[in-house]
Every structure is written in C-alpha cells, then in structure tokens.
Protein backbone atom coordinates (compact mmCIF):
# COMPACT_ATOMS: atom_id res chain seq x y z
CA MET A 1 26.74 -26.92 -13.66
CA ALA A 2 25.79 -24.87 -16.26
CA TYR A 3 22.03 -23.96 -17.82
CA LEU A 4 22.85 -25.81 -21.27
CA ASP A 5 22.94 -28.61 -18.63
CA HIS A 6 19.35 -28.56 -18.20
CA ILE A 7 18.75 -28.82 -21.78
CA GLU A 8 21.05 -31.85 -22.05
CA ILE A 9 19.70 -33.25 -19.14
CA CYS A 10 15.85 -33.01 -20.90
CA ASN A 11 16.98 -34.47 -24.09
CA ARG A 12 18.78 -37.49 -23.33
CA HIS A 13 17.25 -40.45 -24.46
CA ASP A 14 18.15 -43.83 -27.03
CA LEU A 15 15.29 -45.31 -29.26
CA ALA A 16 17.00 -48.24 -29.47
CA GLY A 17 15.47 -49.44 -26.52
CA PHE A 18 12.29 -48.44 -27.43
CA ARG A 19 9.43 -49.79 -29.99
CA PRO A 20 7.44 -47.14 -32.28
CA LEU A 21 3.65 -47.35 -31.51
CA ALA A 22 1.60 -46.19 -34.69
CA ALA A 23 -2.78 -45.70 -35.22
CA ALA A 24 -4.45 -45.10 -38.13
CA GLY A 25 -0.99 -45.14 -40.12
CA GLN A 26 0.81 -42.21 -37.92
CA VAL A 27 3.60 -42.94 -34.92
CA ILE A 28 1.48 -41.80 -32.10
CA GLY A 29 4.45 -42.83 -29.37
CA TYR A 30 7.45 -45.29 -28.28
CA VAL A 31 6.73 -48.20 -25.99
CA SER A 32 10.11 -49.53 -24.32
CA ASN A 33 10.89 -53.06 -25.22
CA GLY A 34 10.53 -54.50 -22.15
CA LEU A 35 6.54 -52.90 -21.84
CA ALA A 36 5.95 -53.80 -25.24
CA GLY A 37 6.21 -57.80 -24.42
CA ILE A 38 4.37 -57.26 -21.70
CA ILE A 39 1.32 -55.28 -23.62
CA LEU A 40 1.46 -58.15 -26.61
CA GLY A 41 0.47 -60.48 -24.01
CA HIS A 42 -2.62 -58.42 -22.74
CA GLY A 43 -5.58 -59.23 -25.54
CA ASP A 44 -4.87 -57.92 -29.06
CA ALA A 45 -5.73 -54.00 -28.33
CA ILE A 46 -2.57 -53.36 -29.70
CA GLN A 47 -0.35 -55.82 -32.12
CA ALA A 48 2.97 -56.00 -33.66
CA ASP A 49 3.65 -54.73 -36.73
CA GLY A 50 7.43 -55.72 -37.95
CA ASP A 51 9.77 -54.13 -34.87
CA GLY A 52 7.34 -51.80 -34.34
CA LEU A 53 3.76 -52.10 -32.66
CA ARG A 54 0.20 -50.76 -33.97
CA LEU A 55 -3.16 -50.57 -32.74
CA ASN A 56 -5.54 -53.18 -34.09
CA ALA A 57 -7.50 -52.01 -37.02
CA ARG A 58 -10.48 -53.45 -36.07
CA LEU A 59 -10.53 -50.19 -33.49
CA ASP A 60 -11.65 -47.42 -36.15
CA SER A 61 -13.33 -44.86 -34.56
CA VAL A 62 -12.49 -42.47 -31.66
CA ASP A 63 -14.66 -44.44 -29.13
CA VAL A 64 -13.98 -47.57 -30.03
CA ARG A 65 -10.28 -46.92 -29.32
CA SER A 66 -10.25 -45.20 -26.37
CA ALA A 67 -12.38 -48.03 -25.10
CA ALA A 68 -9.71 -50.58 -25.99
CA ILE A 69 -6.46 -48.41 -24.29
CA ALA A 70 -9.07 -47.69 -21.08
CA GLY A 71 -9.30 -51.48 -20.79
CA LEU A 72 -5.68 -52.27 -21.28
CA VAL A 73 -4.01 -49.66 -19.36
CA GLY A 74 -6.21 -50.44 -16.70
CA ASP A 75 -4.96 -53.93 -16.80
CA LEU A 76 -1.42 -52.71 -16.89
CA ALA A 77 -2.08 -50.68 -14.05
CA ALA A 78 -3.80 -53.08 -11.58
CA ALA A 79 -0.78 -55.23 -12.59
CA GLY A 80 1.83 -52.65 -11.64
CA HIS A 81 3.53 -52.06 -15.16
CA ILE A 82 2.02 -48.37 -14.82
CA PRO A 83 1.32 -45.89 -12.55
CA ASN A 84 -1.64 -45.70 -10.91
CA LEU A 85 -4.57 -44.32 -13.27
CA ARG A 86 -5.25 -40.45 -12.46
CA GLY A 87 -8.69 -40.32 -14.23
CA GLU A 88 -7.53 -37.52 -16.64
CA MET A 89 -7.80 -38.00 -19.87
CA TYR A 90 -5.48 -37.09 -22.17
CA PRO A 91 -5.67 -36.52 -26.23
CA VAL A 92 -3.34 -39.02 -28.37
CA ALA A 93 -2.17 -37.65 -31.83
CA ALA A 94 0.84 -37.27 -34.46
CA ALA A 95 0.89 -33.55 -33.66
CA TYR A 96 -0.72 -30.94 -31.87
CA GLY A 97 -4.06 -29.54 -33.24
CA ASP A 98 -4.98 -32.92 -35.38
CA ALA A 99 -8.11 -34.77 -34.89
CA ALA A 100 -7.52 -37.07 -31.34
CA LEU A 101 -7.11 -40.48 -32.13
CA PHE A 102 -8.34 -41.89 -28.83
CA ALA A 103 -8.17 -41.14 -25.22
CA ILE A 104 -5.59 -42.09 -22.83
CA ASP A 105 -5.23 -41.52 -19.29
CA ARG A 106 -2.80 -39.21 -18.02
CA ALA A 107 -0.61 -41.66 -15.96
CA ALA A 108 -0.01 -44.01 -19.54
CA VAL A 109 0.92 -40.93 -21.85
CA PRO A 110 5.06 -40.99 -20.36
CA PRO A 111 4.58 -45.58 -20.69
CA PHE A 112 3.50 -45.05 -23.99
CA GLY A 113 5.77 -42.29 -25.43
CA ILE A 114 2.89 -40.29 -26.17
CA ARG A 115 3.35 -36.61 -26.81
CA GLY A 116 1.66 -34.79 -24.01
CA TYR A 117 1.58 -31.28 -23.70
CA GLY A 118 1.12 -28.67 -20.46
CA VAL A 119 0.92 -24.91 -19.73
CA HIS A 120 3.93 -23.13 -17.26
CA VAL A 121 3.25 -19.94 -16.12
CA ASN A 122 6.06 -17.32 -14.88
CA GLY A 123 4.24 -15.42 -12.49
CA PHE A 124 6.46 -12.31 -11.30
CA GLN A 125 6.20 -8.93 -10.08
CA ARG A 126 8.32 -5.75 -10.32
CA ASN A 127 9.48 -3.69 -7.10
CA GLN A 128 9.65 0.24 -7.30
CA SER A 129 12.92 0.33 -9.31
CA GLY A 130 11.49 -2.54 -11.86
CA GLN A 131 13.32 -5.20 -10.58
CA ILE A 132 11.67 -8.28 -11.12
CA HIS A 133 10.86 -10.85 -8.51
CA MET A 134 9.41 -14.49 -9.49
CA TRP A 135 7.04 -16.29 -7.94
CA ILE A 136 8.08 -19.89 -7.21
CA ALA A 137 6.40 -23.13 -5.78
CA ARG A 138 7.94 -26.08 -3.99
CA ARG A 139 6.02 -29.02 -4.42
CA GLY A 140 4.03 -31.17 -2.45
CA ALA A 141 5.60 -34.47 -0.77
CA ASN A 142 2.88 -36.18 -1.67
CA GLN A 143 3.28 -35.49 -5.70
CA ILE A 144 4.60 -38.55 -7.43
CA LEU A 145 6.91 -36.75 -9.94
CA CYS A 146 9.55 -34.77 -8.06
CA PRO A 147 8.39 -34.52 -4.64
CA GLY A 148 9.37 -31.43 -2.54
CA MET A 149 11.34 -29.72 -5.14
CA LEU A 150 10.81 -26.68 -6.65
CA ASP A 151 8.64 -25.17 -9.64
CA ASN A 152 7.02 -22.56 -11.15
CA MET A 153 4.18 -20.88 -9.49
CA VAL A 154 1.56 -22.61 -11.43
CA ALA A 155 2.07 -25.71 -14.10
CA GLY A 156 0.01 -28.46 -15.16
CA GLY A 157 -0.73 -30.61 -18.24
CA LEU A 158 -3.04 -29.88 -20.98
CA PRO A 159 -6.37 -32.79 -20.53
CA ILE A 160 -8.36 -33.42 -23.48
CA GLY A 161 -11.15 -30.42 -24.37
CA LEU A 162 -9.06 -27.40 -23.14
CA SER A 163 -7.20 -24.46 -24.66
CA PRO A 164 -3.97 -23.49 -23.31
CA MET A 165 -5.32 -20.35 -22.15
CA GLU A 166 -8.47 -22.55 -20.52
CA ASP A 167 -5.61 -24.71 -18.83
CA VAL A 168 -4.15 -21.72 -17.53
CA ILE A 169 -7.78 -20.10 -15.79
CA LYS A 170 -8.03 -23.44 -14.16
CA GLU A 171 -4.48 -24.32 -12.94
CA CYS A 172 -4.21 -20.91 -12.14
CA ALA A 173 -7.57 -21.49 -9.43
CA GLU A 174 -6.37 -24.45 -8.28
CA GLU A 175 -2.92 -24.05 -7.62
CA ALA A 176 -2.85 -19.96 -6.89
CA ASP A 177 -6.30 -19.18 -5.90
CA LEU A 178 -6.07 -16.56 -8.57
CA PRO A 179 -9.05 -14.76 -10.17
CA ALA A 180 -9.99 -15.67 -13.62
CA GLU A 181 -9.44 -12.13 -14.43
CA LEU A 182 -6.01 -11.89 -13.15
CA ALA A 183 -5.33 -15.17 -15.18
CA ARG A 184 -6.49 -14.31 -18.17
CA THR A 185 -3.94 -11.33 -18.34
CA ALA A 186 -1.27 -13.94 -18.71
CA ARG A 187 0.61 -13.76 -22.28
CA GLN A 188 1.52 -16.84 -24.24
CA VAL A 189 4.99 -15.92 -24.97
CA SER A 190 6.41 -19.08 -26.17
CA GLU A 191 6.91 -22.93 -26.92
CA ILE A 192 9.21 -25.72 -25.37
CA SER A 193 9.55 -29.12 -26.66
CA TYR A 194 11.83 -32.09 -25.64
CA VAL A 195 12.37 -36.00 -25.70
CA MET A 196 13.53 -37.23 -22.21
CA GLU A 197 13.33 -40.98 -21.06
CA MET A 198 13.08 -41.31 -17.62
CA ASP A 199 12.64 -44.48 -15.91
CA GLY A 200 12.55 -46.77 -18.84
CA THR A 201 9.62 -44.53 -20.44
CA LEU A 202 9.78 -41.58 -23.32
CA ARG A 203 8.32 -38.29 -22.36
CA GLN A 204 7.93 -35.73 -25.81
CA ASP A 205 6.73 -33.20 -23.81
CA ARG A 206 5.79 -29.36 -25.11
CA MET A 207 5.24 -26.72 -22.46
CA PHE A 208 3.17 -23.61 -23.91
CA CYS A 209 4.75 -21.13 -21.66
CA PHE A 210 2.94 -17.81 -20.20
CA ASP A 211 4.53 -14.95 -18.24
CA LEU A 212 1.81 -13.13 -15.82
CA GLU A 213 2.84 -9.60 -14.43
CA LEU A 214 1.43 -10.09 -10.96
CA PRO A 215 -0.05 -6.77 -8.88
CA ALA A 216 2.50 -6.27 -6.02
CA GLU A 217 -0.87 -7.30 -3.10
CA PHE A 218 -0.71 -10.86 -4.63
CA THR A 219 0.42 -13.59 -2.77
CA PRO A 220 -0.66 -16.99 -4.10
CA PHE A 221 -2.16 -19.52 -2.09
CA ASN A 222 -2.51 -23.10 -3.21
CA ARG A 223 -5.93 -25.19 -3.09
CA ASP A 224 -5.09 -28.34 -4.89
CA GLY A 225 -2.17 -30.03 -2.64
CA GLU A 226 0.61 -29.99 -5.21
CA ALA A 227 2.45 -27.15 -3.54
CA ALA A 228 3.57 -27.01 0.40
CA GLU A 229 4.57 -23.53 -0.16
CA PHE A 230 5.44 -20.40 -2.37
CA TYR A 231 8.82 -17.87 -2.43
CA LEU A 232 9.07 -14.58 -4.12
CA TRP A 233 12.24 -14.41 -4.84
CA PRO A 234 15.05 -12.01 -7.44
CA ILE A 235 14.97 -12.87 -10.43
CA GLU A 236 18.88 -13.18 -9.89
CA LYS A 237 18.30 -15.68 -7.48
CA VAL A 238 16.17 -17.65 -9.27
CA ALA A 239 18.72 -17.69 -12.08
CA GLU A 240 21.17 -18.67 -9.59
CA ILE A 241 19.77 -21.56 -8.76
CA VAL A 242 18.96 -23.01 -12.21
CA ARG A 243 22.41 -22.29 -13.35
CA GLY A 244 24.32 -24.20 -10.11
CA THR A 245 22.06 -26.63 -9.27
CA MET A 246 19.14 -29.39 -9.66
CA ALA A 247 16.76 -27.65 -7.17
CA PHE A 248 14.05 -27.05 -9.46
CA LYS A 249 11.67 -30.42 -11.83
CA PHE A 250 13.95 -31.09 -14.52
CA ASN A 251 10.99 -29.19 -17.30
CA CYS A 252 10.66 -25.85 -14.75
CA ASN A 253 14.25 -24.96 -15.62
CA LEU A 254 13.84 -25.25 -19.04
CA ALA A 255 11.14 -22.25 -18.64
CA ILE A 256 13.08 -20.67 -16.11
CA ILE A 257 15.47 -20.53 -18.83
CA ASP A 258 13.44 -19.42 -21.82
CA PHE A 259 12.44 -16.28 -19.28
CA LEU A 260 15.77 -15.33 -18.82
CA ILE A 261 16.65 -15.09 -22.45
CA ARG A 262 13.24 -13.06 -23.49
CA HIS A 263 13.78 -10.28 -20.53
CA GLY A 264 17.24 -9.95 -21.75
CA LEU A 265 19.10 -11.51 -18.55
CA ILE A 266 20.43 -14.20 -20.54
CA GLY A 267 21.82 -12.31 -23.96
CA PRO A 268 23.75 -13.05 -27.30
CA GLY A 269 26.78 -12.12 -25.47
CA ASP A 270 26.59 -14.56 -22.83
CA ALA A 271 28.16 -18.36 -22.80
CA ASP A 272 25.80 -20.94 -24.82
CA HIS A 273 23.10 -18.39 -26.08
CA ALA A 274 22.74 -20.04 -28.96
CA ALA A 275 22.38 -23.40 -28.24
CA LEU A 276 20.09 -22.13 -25.03
CA VAL A 277 17.80 -21.17 -27.82
CA LYS A 278 18.20 -23.95 -30.05
CA GLY A 279 18.21 -26.71 -27.54
CA LEU A 280 14.73 -25.37 -26.03
CA ARG A 281 13.24 -26.92 -28.91
CA GLN A 282 13.62 -30.19 -29.77
CA GLY A 283 11.29 -33.68 -31.02
CA LEU A 284 11.69 -36.46 -32.79
C-alpha cells in the first residue's frame, strides 16, 4: 500500500455505466443506467434526452424544480432504490458558487451523481518540542457510510445556505464540542476533489480543508453521536496508518495526505510527490 493508492481508489469510475443528467441546459449529475430506467418510469420530472437525461423544461424555477425532485426522490427512497432520506437539503448547480438550480435531499446526491461539497477539519496540537499530534475520530457504528472507520476530527457535508466557515463552526460544535470562538480560528488551506464510483453511484466530491491548531488543554467530545471516540496521535503514526492501511474513511486519507504535503512531511524528494499533488485535484 502507498499514499498514491488512496488517490487511485477515490478516482475509480467508468462513465460508460452512467447517463448525464442536465438541468437548464447544464450537466449537473450522472445517473447509473439502472437507476435511469427506474426514474423514467416515475412521472415526467426527468425525461430522456438522447443518451442522457434532463429535467422537464416545464420545471422553470428553483422552487418548482425542488418540489418535483422532492417528490421523485421520496418515491425512489420509499421503493428502496436510493437510501432513506436525511432531511438535509443540498444545493444543485453546475459548479460551486453558481446559483442553485434546485435543492435535493443529501441522500440523493450520490445516486444522482451530483457534485457534493463538504468540510474537513484537521485538528492538531503541538507539544513543547513542536511535534505535531493530530486528533482522529472513530466513526460511530451507527453511521451509514464507513461505520467504525477512522475519520478526521471534524467533517461534514455542506448544506444549502451555509458557507464553508459557517459549516465548520456548526460541525465543530456538534462533533467535537468545540466553542465557536475557537472554531473560527480554523484556516481554510486547500481544496480536494475526486470522482469515485461506489455501489452504483458516482461521487463528484469537493472538500474544503481547514487546519485548526488547538490548545494543549482541549479534548474533543462528540455531541451528535457520529463519533464513538477520539485519539490524539503523533502525526508520524497517522501517516503510517494512512500509508499502510485502509483504516480511514476513503476521503479522509486524501485530507491527511494533503496535510502531510503542506506541513513538509511529504516533500519533493519523496516518491510520488508530484503525482500526489496533482491527484488530489481531479474532476470531470
């Protein structure tokens, strides 16, 4: 196993198994061939368009599109074709920062191949000699995705209506009992993107990465039940786990590799340095 393996794993996909989904003349997602056939049998909110799919042109506003898609994904979830709905709405646009075309439940983002956004916070401390120790979470056994695996101290999807920093403050409070005034000291340091085929879905994800240096007396405490426990490990141990195992949730490996590069723990003289830097930023 090597660092580069994690990059490769998070970018495995074959678009031959998917049909592009367009809205307002823009491609906003990719739906598996199997799910596409099911969708076309559920009303007319989404229609065939050559080899692809498109939202019905009569859906001519954000609210109208959102309502139609909500009905569709509700039917799909009730029939077991997509995961149970989460009640957390995500904006849908062709690119980050563009005006939202509609909103969709978080559970439908991967099945519809829609671009997803999230924040990852590298919480760390320095001892008296300056050595970095990183706080690592273990995901709760109740988590839908990657239960029991290692995770960043704080991470979460970016819902509609929040900026990355606002989301960091919210997630830090919920996942690590971290006060807002301390969470605001987090620095947005990089962005990571990948395209990953997983269980018949296409994850087009973009991660906003933050570094948060914490005082020595701080210990995270989970409030929302998503983390089972936390560990404070020397960064060398964290690096060894990433380099040699699959113990971390898949995209957390990328956030940590990025941290190691930025803090000089993976340098230009190390194997695959250039490929790692390039590989952390991929997309369709």
